[in-house]
Amino acid sequence: MNLSYTKYLMAEKLGGKWKKIITIITLLALGVLIYVSRQQIGETLSNLGRVQASFLVLILLWKFLVFHGYTKMYIDMFKILGKKIEYWTMYKITLELNFVNNVFPSGGVTGFSYFSLKMHEFGISAGRSTLVQAMRFINTFVSFQIFIFFGLFVLAAAGKAGNLTILVASSLTTLLVVGTVLLAYIISSRERISGFFTFLTKLVNRLIHFVRPASPETINIAAARKMFYELHDNYLEIKKDLKKLKKPILYISLANFGEIAALYSVFLAFGEAVNPGAVIIAYAIANFAGLISVLPGGVGIYEALMVAVLATGGVSPAVSIPAVIMYRMLTMSLQLPIGYYFYHKTINSAGGIGKNMGDLGKT
């Protein structure tokens, strides 16, 4: 048996080991999500008799629109960087990524890693996929600002825009603007992006080394720095013509509209035509908190913030609590199983992510 074949067998064995580990971790994370949501699940089931099912059917249409918007945004961003991805291929990846971001408690960090590994199968470098994923968040923040402004206008027109609502909405808008400008400032310079992200990489390595003393450098610093430089170069490519970002922002806005429409459909199913402005602002704030939450799917924080913001817009908790809980449980029930199906196929496919996980520290 020659040396190359021996290495191949070892790689296959390592890949199989990682596939099993990832599958177990995934099922455990999904179990945790169900456990922490058990009360909401019970309340949702108890409220089923009160709703008009015809409005809930609309959620299927709205959720398709949501993932269509994200899919088109990704396709357009990769097109700007010179890469072509087929629509249904990207649609399935978007569902997988949604599953990862909702199930794994990492505040979206796992999504970046998974997306990079997944797009590597299509010959797309980590630098490009990381930039595209970062641009998804930036475009989302820009879209949030548009929706928040519109939501405040609708509330004000109905005389429901109280001081607290205005304060919360303006604070979030300011935070989004500052965060977007700061991120653009960092990645616009090779020195800044190298210094900032190398610091983060070293910090992550130290944390991993604390848990696994035998691994002093799990993430290769030199390889990471190379990826950061590529991220910077691709950012400059996009910056040459910012007009190209109009379509990605439009598609992200379409996805956000679909989510807001799905949420509003649940209120209508309960027979409550609440002020759309309150729903828009509550959605934007709750989703922003969900992006930075380390809990799986932002469970608890998402619902509490949404109910609290709705209350400032004049929507009684007696109305909002059952509607928000049902919205969350129905949307997760619709999108997570199919996302898990495609995710499970990926990590168990030959040459897929499951096999590549063992080489993360070398690339």
Foldseek 3Di string as FASTA:
>chain_A
DDPVVVVVVVLVVQLVVLLVVVVVVQVVLVVVVCVLCVVLVVLLVVCVVQFDVVLLVCLVVLQVLLLQLVLVLLQLLVVLVPDHDDRVVSSLVSLLLVLCQQRALALCPVSLVQQQQQCVVVVDHSLSSNLSVVVLVLLLLVLLLVLLVVLLVLLVVVPQNDPVLVVVSVVSNVVSVVVSVVVCVQLLDLVSLLVPVLVVQQVVLVVVCVVVVVRNRLAASVVVSVSSVSNSVSSVSCVVDVVSCPSSSVSNNSSLVSLLSSLCSLLVRSVHNDRSSLSSSLQSVLVVCQSRGSRRSSPPSSLVSSLVSSVSSPDDSVSRNNSSSNSVVVVCVVRNVSSVVSNSCQSPPVVGPSSCPVCNRVD
